[in-house]
Amino acid sequence: MDTGGGFVIDRLWMGHGHTNRGFPYPNYEPPHRVEAYALNVETIPGPIGDQIMLSVRYREHAAGGGSYEQTSGPWDLRQFLEQAFAPSP
């Protein structure tokens, strides 16, 4: 799967199938190297139920040396699954 440069998350939902999804890297100029090392899951309480958000923790290695850690923006888990599979009732 060509994501155009980004994090690829494999989606397997028991009984619903398998697919994967790419999320773009932050807007860095090449030749930076990005190394994902954690998938964060956060539950946000809401008035009509909890919202579960995903984000990726990663290191960005600059061309001239040095690196630093960052976290991507959040993605809604329900929307993430509904894009790959039928919406849940």
PDB file of N, CA and C in Angstrom:
ATOM      1  N   MET A   1       0.844  -1.185   0.000  1.00  0.00           N
ATOM      2  CA  MET A   1       0.000   0.000   0.000  1.00  0.00           C
ATOM      3  C   MET A   1       0.880   1.236   0.000  1.00  0.00           C
ATOM      4  N   ASP A   2       0.718   2.101  -0.963  1.00  0.00           N
ATOM      5  CA  ASP A   2       1.466   3.347  -1.017  1.00  0.00           C
ATOM      6  C   ASP A   2       0.685   4.413  -0.274  1.00  0.00           C
ATOM      7  N   THR A   3       1.235   4.880   0.848  1.00  0.00           N
ATOM      8  CA  THR A   3       0.549   5.887   1.657  1.00  0.00           C
ATOM      9  C   THR A   3       1.019   7.289   1.322  1.00  0.00           C
ATOM     10  N   GLY A   4       1.968   7.420   0.412  1.00  0.00           N
ATOM     11  CA  GLY A   4       2.513   8.733   0.122  1.00  0.00           C
ATOM     12  C   GLY A   4       3.416   9.215   1.242  1.00  0.00           C
ATOM     13  N   GLY A   5       3.874   8.331   2.067  1.00  0.00           N
ATOM     14  CA  GLY A   5       4.714   8.688   3.201  1.00  0.00           C
ATOM     15  C   GLY A   5       3.859   8.886   4.431  1.00  0.00           C
ATOM     16  N   GLY A   6       3.860   7.928   5.314  1.00  0.00           N
ATOM     17  CA  GLY A   6       3.048   8.063   6.508  1.00  0.00           C
ATOM     18  C   GLY A   6       3.074   6.809   7.347  1.00  0.00           C
ATOM     19  N   PHE A   7       2.341   6.855   8.456  1.00  0.00           N
ATOM     20  CA  PHE A   7       2.203   5.712   9.338  1.00  0.00           C
ATOM     21  C   PHE A   7       1.125   4.807   8.762  1.00  0.00           C
ATOM     22  N   VAL A   8       1.371   3.514   8.710  1.00  0.00           N
ATOM     23  CA  VAL A   8       0.383   2.555   8.230  1.00  0.00           C
ATOM     24  C   VAL A   8      -0.043   1.705   9.415  1.00  0.00           C
ATOM     25  N   ILE A   9      -1.352   1.661   9.651  1.00  0.00           N
ATOM     26  CA  ILE A   9      -1.899   0.871  10.747  1.00  0.00           C
ATOM     27  C   ILE A   9      -2.750  -0.232  10.144  1.00  0.00           C
ATOM     28  N   ASP A  10      -2.457  -1.451  10.537  1.00  0.00           N
ATOM     29  CA  ASP A  10      -3.163  -2.627  10.062  1.00  0.00           C
ATOM     30  C   ASP A  10      -4.443  -2.786  10.876  1.00  0.00           C
ATOM     31  N   ARG A  11      -5.594  -2.882  10.198  1.00  0.00           N
ATOM     32  CA  ARG A  11      -6.877  -3.022  10.889  1.00  0.00           C
ATOM     33  C   ARG A  11      -7.414  -4.436  10.698  1.00  0.00           C
ATOM     34  N   LEU A  12      -7.605  -5.127  11.792  1.00  0.00           N
ATOM     35  CA  LEU A  12      -8.230  -6.444  11.787  1.00  0.00           C
ATOM     36  C   LEU A  12      -9.331  -6.393  12.830  1.00  0.00           C
ATOM     37  N   TRP A  13     -10.556  -6.510  12.373  1.00  0.00           N
ATOM     38  CA  TRP A  13     -11.700  -6.454  13.278  1.00  0.00           C
ATOM     39  C   TRP A  13     -12.339  -7.825  13.235  1.00  0.00           C
ATOM     40  N   MET A  14     -12.306  -8.533  14.340  1.00  0.00           N
ATOM     41  CA  MET A  14     -12.776  -9.908  14.403  1.00  0.00           C
ATOM     42  C   MET A  14     -14.171 -10.032  13.800  1.00  0.00           C
ATOM     43  N   GLY A  15     -14.298 -10.894  12.796  1.00  0.00           N
ATOM     44  CA  GLY A  15     -15.577 -11.128  12.150  1.00  0.00           C
ATOM     45  C   GLY A  15     -15.947 -10.118  11.086  1.00  0.00           C
ATOM     46  N   HIS A  16     -15.143  -9.075  10.907  1.00  0.00           N
ATOM     47  CA  HIS A  16     -15.471  -8.035   9.931  1.00  0.00           C
ATOM     48  C   HIS A  16     -14.459  -7.936   8.797  1.00  0.00           C
ATOM     49  N   GLY A  17     -13.290  -8.511   8.964  1.00  0.00           N
ATOM     50  CA  GLY A  17     -12.307  -8.472   7.893  1.00  0.00           C
ATOM     51  C   GLY A  17     -11.014  -7.787   8.277  1.00  0.00           C
ATOM     52  N   HIS A  18     -10.241  -7.497   7.246  1.00  0.00           N
ATOM     53  CA  HIS A  18      -8.887  -6.971   7.424  1.00  0.00           C
ATOM     54  C   HIS A  18      -8.615  -5.899   6.366  1.00  0.00           C
ATOM     55  N   THR A  19      -7.972  -4.837   6.754  1.00  0.00           N
ATOM     56  CA  THR A  19      -7.543  -3.779   5.842  1.00  0.00           C
ATOM     57  C   THR A  19      -6.450  -2.976   6.539  1.00  0.00           C
ATOM     58  N   ASN A  20      -5.829  -2.048   5.848  1.00  0.00           N
ATOM     59  CA  ASN A  20      -4.877  -1.163   6.506  1.00  0.00           C
ATOM     60  C   ASN A  20      -5.126   0.267   6.069  1.00  0.00           C
ATOM     61  N   ARG A  21      -4.584   1.194   6.824  1.00  0.00           N
ATOM     62  CA  ARG A  21      -4.838   2.608   6.586  1.00  0.00           C
ATOM     63  C   ARG A  21      -3.567   3.386   6.824  1.00  0.00           C
ATOM     64  N   GLY A  22      -3.295   4.323   5.944  1.00  0.00           N
ATOM     65  CA  GLY A  22      -2.136   5.187   6.106  1.00  0.00           C
ATOM     66  C   GLY A  22      -2.543   6.555   6.617  1.00  0.00           C
ATOM     67  N   PHE A  23      -1.785   7.069   7.544  1.00  0.00           N
ATOM     68  CA  PHE A  23      -1.955   8.431   8.042  1.00  0.00           C
ATOM     69  C   PHE A  23      -0.694   9.193   7.679  1.00  0.00           C
ATOM     70  N   PRO A  24      -0.826  10.381   7.144  1.00  0.00           N
ATOM     71  CA  PRO A  24       0.370  11.100   6.694  1.00  0.00           C
ATOM     72  C   PRO A  24       1.290  11.492   7.843  1.00  0.00           C
ATOM     73  N   TYR A  25       2.577  11.528   7.535  1.00  0.00           N
ATOM     74  CA  TYR A  25       3.539  12.064   8.490  1.00  0.00           C
ATOM     75  C   TYR A  25       3.271  13.550   8.646  1.00  0.00           C
ATOM     76  N   PRO A  26       3.765  14.124   9.726  1.00  0.00           N
ATOM     77  CA  PRO A  26       3.731  15.593   9.822  1.00  0.00           C
ATOM     78  C   PRO A  26       4.516  16.195   8.663  1.00  0.00           C
ATOM     79  N   ASN A  27       4.308  17.437   8.404  1.00  0.00           N
ATOM     80  CA  ASN A  27       4.919  18.112   7.244  1.00  0.00           C
ATOM     81  C   ASN A  27       6.384  18.442   7.484  1.00  0.00           C
ATOM     82  N   TYR A  28       7.248  17.472   7.221  1.00  0.00           N
ATOM     83  CA  TYR A  28       8.691  17.677   7.335  1.00  0.00           C
ATOM     84  C   TYR A  28       9.299  17.627   5.952  1.00  0.00           C
ATOM     85  N   GLU A  29      10.336  18.375   5.790  1.00  0.00           N
ATOM     86  CA  GLU A  29      11.070  18.341   4.536  1.00  0.00           C
ATOM     87  C   GLU A  29      12.009  17.138   4.542  1.00  0.00           C
ATOM     88  N   PRO A  30      12.097  16.422   3.441  1.00  0.00           N
ATOM     89  CA  PRO A  30      13.074  15.336   3.372  1.00  0.00           C
ATOM     90  C   PRO A  30      14.469  15.922   3.548  1.00  0.00           C
ATOM     91  N   PRO A  31      15.446  15.203   3.968  1.00  0.00           N
ATOM     92  CA  PRO A  31      15.511  13.764   4.160  1.00  0.00           C
ATOM     93  C   PRO A  31      15.390  13.345   5.625  1.00  0.00           C
ATOM     94  N   HIS A  32      14.391  13.772   6.319  1.00  0.00           N
ATOM     95  CA  HIS A  32      14.180  13.346   7.694  1.00  0.00           C
ATOM     96  C   HIS A  32      13.709  11.887   7.712  1.00  0.00           C
ATOM     97  N   ARG A  33      14.078  11.194   8.759  1.00  0.00           N
ATOM     98  CA  ARG A  33      13.632   9.815   8.935  1.00  0.00           C
ATOM     99  C   ARG A  33      12.732   9.772  10.157  1.00  0.00           C
ATOM    100  N   VAL A  34      11.568   9.155  10.006  1.00  0.00           N
ATOM    101  CA  VAL A  34      10.597   9.073  11.090  1.00  0.00           C
ATOM    102  C   VAL A  34      10.477   7.626  11.527  1.00  0.00           C
ATOM    103  N   GLU A  35      10.564   7.396  12.828  1.00  0.00           N
ATOM    104  CA  GLU A  35      10.525   6.052  13.395  1.00  0.00           C
ATOM    105  C   GLU A  35       9.397   5.974  14.418  1.00  0.00           C
ATOM    106  N   ALA A  36       8.307   5.306  14.058  1.00  0.00           N
ATOM    107  CA  ALA A  36       7.188   5.121  14.992  1.00  0.00           C
ATOM    108  C   ALA A  36       7.556   4.053  16.008  1.00  0.00           C
ATOM    109  N   TYR A  37       7.196   4.266  17.289  1.00  0.00           N
ATOM    110  CA  TYR A  37       7.506   3.259  18.293  1.00  0.00           C
ATOM    111  C   TYR A  37       6.366   2.987  19.269  1.00  0.00           C
ATOM    112  N   ALA A  38       5.252   3.715  19.188  1.00  0.00           N
ATOM    113  CA  ALA A  38       4.136   3.432  20.093  1.00  0.00           C
ATOM    114  C   ALA A  38       2.824   3.876  19.461  1.00  0.00           C
ATOM    115  N   LEU A  39       1.784   3.102  19.708  1.00  0.00           N
ATOM    116  CA  LEU A  39       0.423   3.473  19.337  1.00  0.00           C
ATOM    117  C   LEU A  39      -0.295   3.794  20.636  1.00  0.00           C
ATOM    118  N   ASN A  40      -0.684   5.054  20.797  1.00  0.00           N
ATOM    119  CA  ASN A  40      -1.358   5.494  22.017  1.00  0.00           C
ATOM    120  C   ASN A  40      -2.859   5.366  21.860  1.00  0.00           C
ATOM    121  N   VAL A  41      -3.528   4.934  22.913  1.00  0.00           N
ATOM    122  CA  VAL A  41      -4.983   4.840  22.952  1.00  0.00           C
ATOM    123  C   VAL A  41      -5.448   5.645  24.158  1.00  0.00           C
ATOM    124  N   GLU A  42      -6.324   6.613  23.910  1.00  0.00           N
ATOM    125  CA  GLU A  42      -6.811   7.492  24.978  1.00  0.00           C
ATOM    126  C   GLU A  42      -8.333   7.513  24.957  1.00  0.00           C
ATOM    127  N   THR A  43      -8.936   7.381  26.121  1.00  0.00           N
ATOM    128  CA  THR A  43     -10.388   7.449  26.240  1.00  0.00           C
ATOM    129  C   THR A  43     -10.772   8.822  26.768  1.00  0.00           C
ATOM    130  N   ILE A  44     -11.660   9.488  26.034  1.00  0.00           N
ATOM    131  CA  ILE A  44     -12.131  10.808  26.425  1.00  0.00           C
ATOM    132  C   ILE A  44     -13.609  10.690  26.793  1.00  0.00           C
ATOM    133  N   PRO A  45     -13.964  10.912  28.071  1.00  0.00           N
ATOM    134  CA  PRO A  45     -15.365  10.810  28.468  1.00  0.00           C
ATOM    135  C   PRO A  45     -16.195  11.906  27.799  1.00  0.00           C
ATOM    136  N   GLY A  46     -17.399  11.539  27.407  1.00  0.00           N
ATOM    137  CA  GLY A  46     -18.292  12.503  26.772  1.00  0.00           C
ATOM    138  C   GLY A  46     -19.710  12.342  27.279  1.00  0.00           C
ATOM    139  N   PRO A  47     -20.572  13.278  26.941  1.00  0.00           N
ATOM    140  CA  PRO A  47     -21.949  13.255  27.446  1.00  0.00           C
ATOM    141  C   PRO A  47     -22.779  12.092  26.901  1.00  0.00           C
ATOM    142  N   ILE A  48     -22.424  11.562  25.715  1.00  0.00           N
ATOM    143  CA  ILE A  48     -23.193  10.449  25.144  1.00  0.00           C
ATOM    144  C   ILE A  48     -22.326   9.195  24.990  1.00  0.00           C
ATOM    145  N   GLY A  49     -21.289   9.110  25.770  1.00  0.00           N
ATOM    146  CA  GLY A  49     -20.400   7.947  25.726  1.00  0.00           C
ATOM    147  C   GLY A  49     -18.960   8.361  25.545  1.00  0.00           C
ATOM    148  N   ASP A  50     -18.084   7.411  25.772  1.00  0.00           N
ATOM    149  CA  ASP A  50     -16.655   7.684  25.647  1.00  0.00           C
ATOM    150  C   ASP A  50     -16.228   7.718  24.184  1.00  0.00           C
ATOM    151  N   GLN A  51     -15.246   8.545  23.896  1.00  0.00           N
ATOM    152  CA  GLN A  51     -14.639   8.616  22.571  1.00  0.00           C
ATOM    153  C   GLN A  51     -13.213   8.085  22.727  1.00  0.00           C
ATOM    154  N   ILE A  52     -12.851   7.141  21.878  1.00  0.00           N
ATOM    155  CA  ILE A  52     -11.516   6.541  21.951  1.00  0.00           C
ATOM    156  C   ILE A  52     -10.682   7.105  20.810  1.00  0.00           C
ATOM    157  N   MET A  53      -9.537   7.656  21.166  1.00  0.00           N
ATOM    158  CA  MET A  53      -8.660   8.305  20.200  1.00  0.00           C
ATOM    159  C   MET A  53      -7.339   7.546  20.091  1.00  0.00           C
ATOM    160  N   LEU A  54      -6.824   7.487  18.863  1.00  0.00           N
ATOM    161  CA  LEU A  54      -5.527   6.873  18.584  1.00  0.00           C
ATOM    162  C   LEU A  54      -4.533   7.964  18.201  1.00  0.00           C
ATOM    163  N   SER A  55      -3.281   7.778  18.557  1.00  0.00           N
ATOM    164  CA  SER A  55      -2.205   8.641  18.075  1.00  0.00           C
ATOM    165  C   SER A  55      -0.930   7.803  18.023  1.00  0.00           C
ATOM    166  N   VAL A  56       0.053   8.290  17.291  1.00  0.00           N
ATOM    167  CA  VAL A  56       1.323   7.574  17.132  1.00  0.00           C
ATOM    168  C   VAL A  56       2.430   8.393  17.779  1.00  0.00           C
ATOM    169  N   ARG A  57       3.217   7.738  18.602  1.00  0.00           N
ATOM    170  CA  ARG A  57       4.399   8.355  19.198  1.00  0.00           C
ATOM    171  C   ARG A  57       5.575   7.979  18.308  1.00  0.00           C
ATOM    172  N   TYR A  58       6.412   8.967  17.964  1.00  0.00           N
ATOM    173  CA  TYR A  58       7.501   8.699  17.022  1.00  0.00           C
ATOM    174  C   TYR A  58       8.721   9.571  17.304  1.00  0.00           C
ATOM    175  N   ARG A  59       9.853   9.130  16.741  1.00  0.00           N
ATOM    176  CA  ARG A  59      11.101   9.900  16.760  1.00  0.00           C
ATOM    177  C   ARG A  59      11.349  10.410  15.355  1.00  0.00           C
ATOM    178  N   GLU A  60      11.751  11.638  15.283  1.00  0.00           N
ATOM    179  CA  GLU A  60      12.133  12.204  13.990  1.00  0.00           C
ATOM    180  C   GLU A  60      13.631  12.428  14.011  1.00  0.00           C
ATOM    181  N   HIS A  61      14.329  11.815  13.047  1.00  0.00           N
ATOM    182  CA  HIS A  61      15.782  11.925  12.950  1.00  0.00           C
ATOM    183  C   HIS A  61      16.107  12.905  11.832  1.00  0.00           C
ATOM    184  N   ALA A  62      16.781  13.987  12.168  1.00  0.00           N
ATOM    185  CA  ALA A  62      17.140  15.006  11.187  1.00  0.00           C
ATOM    186  C   ALA A  62      18.344  14.555  10.365  1.00  0.00           C
ATOM    187  N   ALA A  63      18.459  15.087   9.164  1.00  0.00           N
ATOM    188  CA  ALA A  63      19.547  14.711   8.254  1.00  0.00           C
ATOM    189  C   ALA A  63      20.914  15.031   8.835  1.00  0.00           C
ATOM    190  N   GLY A  64      21.043  16.134   9.549  1.00  0.00           N
ATOM    191  CA  GLY A  64      22.336  16.534  10.096  1.00  0.00           C
ATOM    192  C   GLY A  64      22.660  15.902  11.434  1.00  0.00           C
ATOM    193  N   GLY A  65      21.858  14.977  11.874  1.00  0.00           N
ATOM    194  CA  GLY A  65      22.063  14.341  13.172  1.00  0.00           C
ATOM    195  C   GLY A  65      21.050  14.863  14.177  1.00  0.00           C
ATOM    196  N   GLY A  66      20.955  14.202  15.274  1.00  0.00           N
ATOM    197  CA  GLY A  66      20.009  14.591  16.309  1.00  0.00           C
ATOM    198  C   GLY A  66      18.617  14.039  16.024  1.00  0.00           C
ATOM    199  N   SER A  67      17.845  13.911  17.070  1.00  0.00           N
ATOM    200  CA  SER A  67      16.474  13.433  16.920  1.00  0.00           C
ATOM    201  C   SER A  67      15.636  13.972  18.069  1.00  0.00           C
ATOM    202  N   TYR A  68      14.345  13.937  17.900  1.00  0.00           N
ATOM    203  CA  TYR A  68      13.452  14.322  18.974  1.00  0.00           C
ATOM    204  C   TYR A  68      12.150  13.546  18.835  1.00  0.00           C
ATOM    205  N   GLU A  69      11.404  13.483  19.944  1.00  0.00           N
ATOM    206  CA  GLU A  69      10.175  12.703  19.987  1.00  0.00           C
ATOM    207  C   GLU A  69       8.961  13.610  19.881  1.00  0.00           C
ATOM    208  N   GLN A  70       7.931  13.082  19.217  1.00  0.00           N
ATOM    209  CA  GLN A  70       6.681  13.811  19.069  1.00  0.00           C
ATOM    210  C   GLN A  70       5.526  12.826  19.054  1.00  0.00           C
ATOM    211  N   THR A  71       4.317  13.355  19.121  1.00  0.00           N
ATOM    212  CA  THR A  71       3.104  12.560  19.005  1.00  0.00           C
ATOM    213  C   THR A  71       2.265  13.149  17.884  1.00  0.00           C
ATOM    214  N   SER A  72       1.723  12.277  17.051  1.00  0.00           N
ATOM    215  CA  SER A  72       0.870  12.724  15.949  1.00  0.00           C
ATOM    216  C   SER A  72      -0.429  13.300  16.504  1.00  0.00           C
ATOM    217  N   GLY A  73      -1.200  13.889  15.626  1.00  0.00           N
ATOM    218  CA  GLY A  73      -2.531  14.323  16.005  1.00  0.00           C
ATOM    219  C   GLY A  73      -3.416  13.114  16.256  1.00  0.00           C
ATOM    220  N   PRO A  74      -4.541  13.300  16.961  1.00  0.00           N
ATOM    221  CA  PRO A  74      -5.402  12.165  17.282  1.00  0.00           C
ATOM    222  C   PRO A  74      -6.307  11.757  16.123  1.00  0.00           C
ATOM    223  N   TRP A  75      -6.658  10.470  16.104  1.00  0.00           N
ATOM    224  CA  TRP A  75      -7.618   9.909  15.150  1.00  0.00           C
ATOM    225  C   TRP A  75      -8.693   9.205  15.952  1.00  0.00           C
ATOM    226  N   ASP A  76      -9.931   9.421  15.613  1.00  0.00           N
ATOM    227  CA  ASP A  76     -11.053   8.791  16.302  1.00  0.00           C
ATOM    228  C   ASP A  76     -11.134   7.312  15.922  1.00  0.00           C
ATOM    229  N   LEU A  77     -11.109   6.414  16.915  1.00  0.00           N
ATOM    230  CA  LEU A  77     -11.110   4.975  16.646  1.00  0.00           C
ATOM    231  C   LEU A  77     -12.375   4.542  15.911  1.00  0.00           C
ATOM    232  N   ARG A  78     -13.524   5.035  16.316  1.00  0.00           N
ATOM    233  CA  ARG A  78     -14.783   4.630  15.679  1.00  0.00           C
ATOM    234  C   ARG A  78     -14.766   4.994  14.190  1.00  0.00           C
ATOM    235  N   GLN A  79     -14.353   6.215  13.881  1.00  0.00           N
ATOM    236  CA  GLN A  79     -14.278   6.645  12.483  1.00  0.00           C
ATOM    237  C   GLN A  79     -13.232   5.827  11.729  1.00  0.00           C
ATOM    238  N   PHE A  80     -12.114   5.548  12.392  1.00  0.00           N
ATOM    239  CA  PHE A  80     -11.036   4.741  11.825  1.00  0.00           C
ATOM    240  C   PHE A  80     -11.556   3.376  11.378  1.00  0.00           C
ATOM    241  N   LEU A  81     -12.390   2.738  12.216  1.00  0.00           N
ATOM    242  CA  LEU A  81     -12.949   1.432  11.878  1.00  0.00           C
ATOM    243  C   LEU A  81     -14.077   1.536  10.857  1.00  0.00           C
ATOM    244  N   GLU A  82     -14.911   2.556  10.974  1.00  0.00           N
ATOM    245  CA  GLU A  82     -16.049   2.689  10.053  1.00  0.00           C
ATOM    246  C   GLU A  82     -15.593   3.011   8.626  1.00  0.00           C
ATOM    247  N   GLN A  83     -14.428   3.626   8.472  1.00  0.00           N
ATOM    248  CA  GLN A  83     -13.907   3.871   7.123  1.00  0.00           C
ATOM    249  C   GLN A  83     -13.519   2.568   6.442  1.00  0.00           C
ATOM    250  N   ALA A  84     -13.145   1.575   7.228  1.00  0.00           N
ATOM    251  CA  ALA A  84     -12.713   0.296   6.671  1.00  0.00           C
ATOM    252  C   ALA A  84     -13.835  -0.706   6.590  1.00  0.00           C
ATOM    253  N   PHE A  85     -14.765  -0.608   7.517  1.00  0.00           N
ATOM    254  CA  PHE A  85     -15.847  -1.581   7.606  1.00  0.00           C
ATOM    255  C   PHE A  85     -17.166  -0.818   7.659  1.00  0.00           C
ATOM    256  N   ALA A  86     -18.259  -1.515   7.627  1.00  0.00           N
ATOM    257  CA  ALA A  86     -19.575  -0.859   7.684  1.00  0.00           C
ATOM    258  C   ALA A  86     -19.742  -0.126   8.999  1.00  0.00           C
ATOM    259  N   PRO A  87     -20.431   1.038   8.972  1.00  0.00           N
ATOM    260  CA  PRO A  87     -20.680   1.769  10.236  1.00  0.00           C
ATOM    261  C   PRO A  87     -21.449   0.890  11.231  1.00  0.00           C
ATOM    262  N   SER A  88     -21.112   1.070  12.499  1.00  0.00           N
ATOM    263  CA  SER A  88     -21.798   0.303  13.538  1.00  0.00           C
ATOM    264  C   SER A  88     -23.098   1.004  13.904  1.00  0.00           C
ATOM    265  N   PRO A  89     -24.083   0.245  14.341  1.00  0.00           N
ATOM    266  CA  PRO A  89     -25.388   0.850  14.671  1.00  0.00           C
ATOM    267  C   PRO A  89     -25.312   1.723  15.902  1.00  0.00           C
TER     268      PRO A  89
END
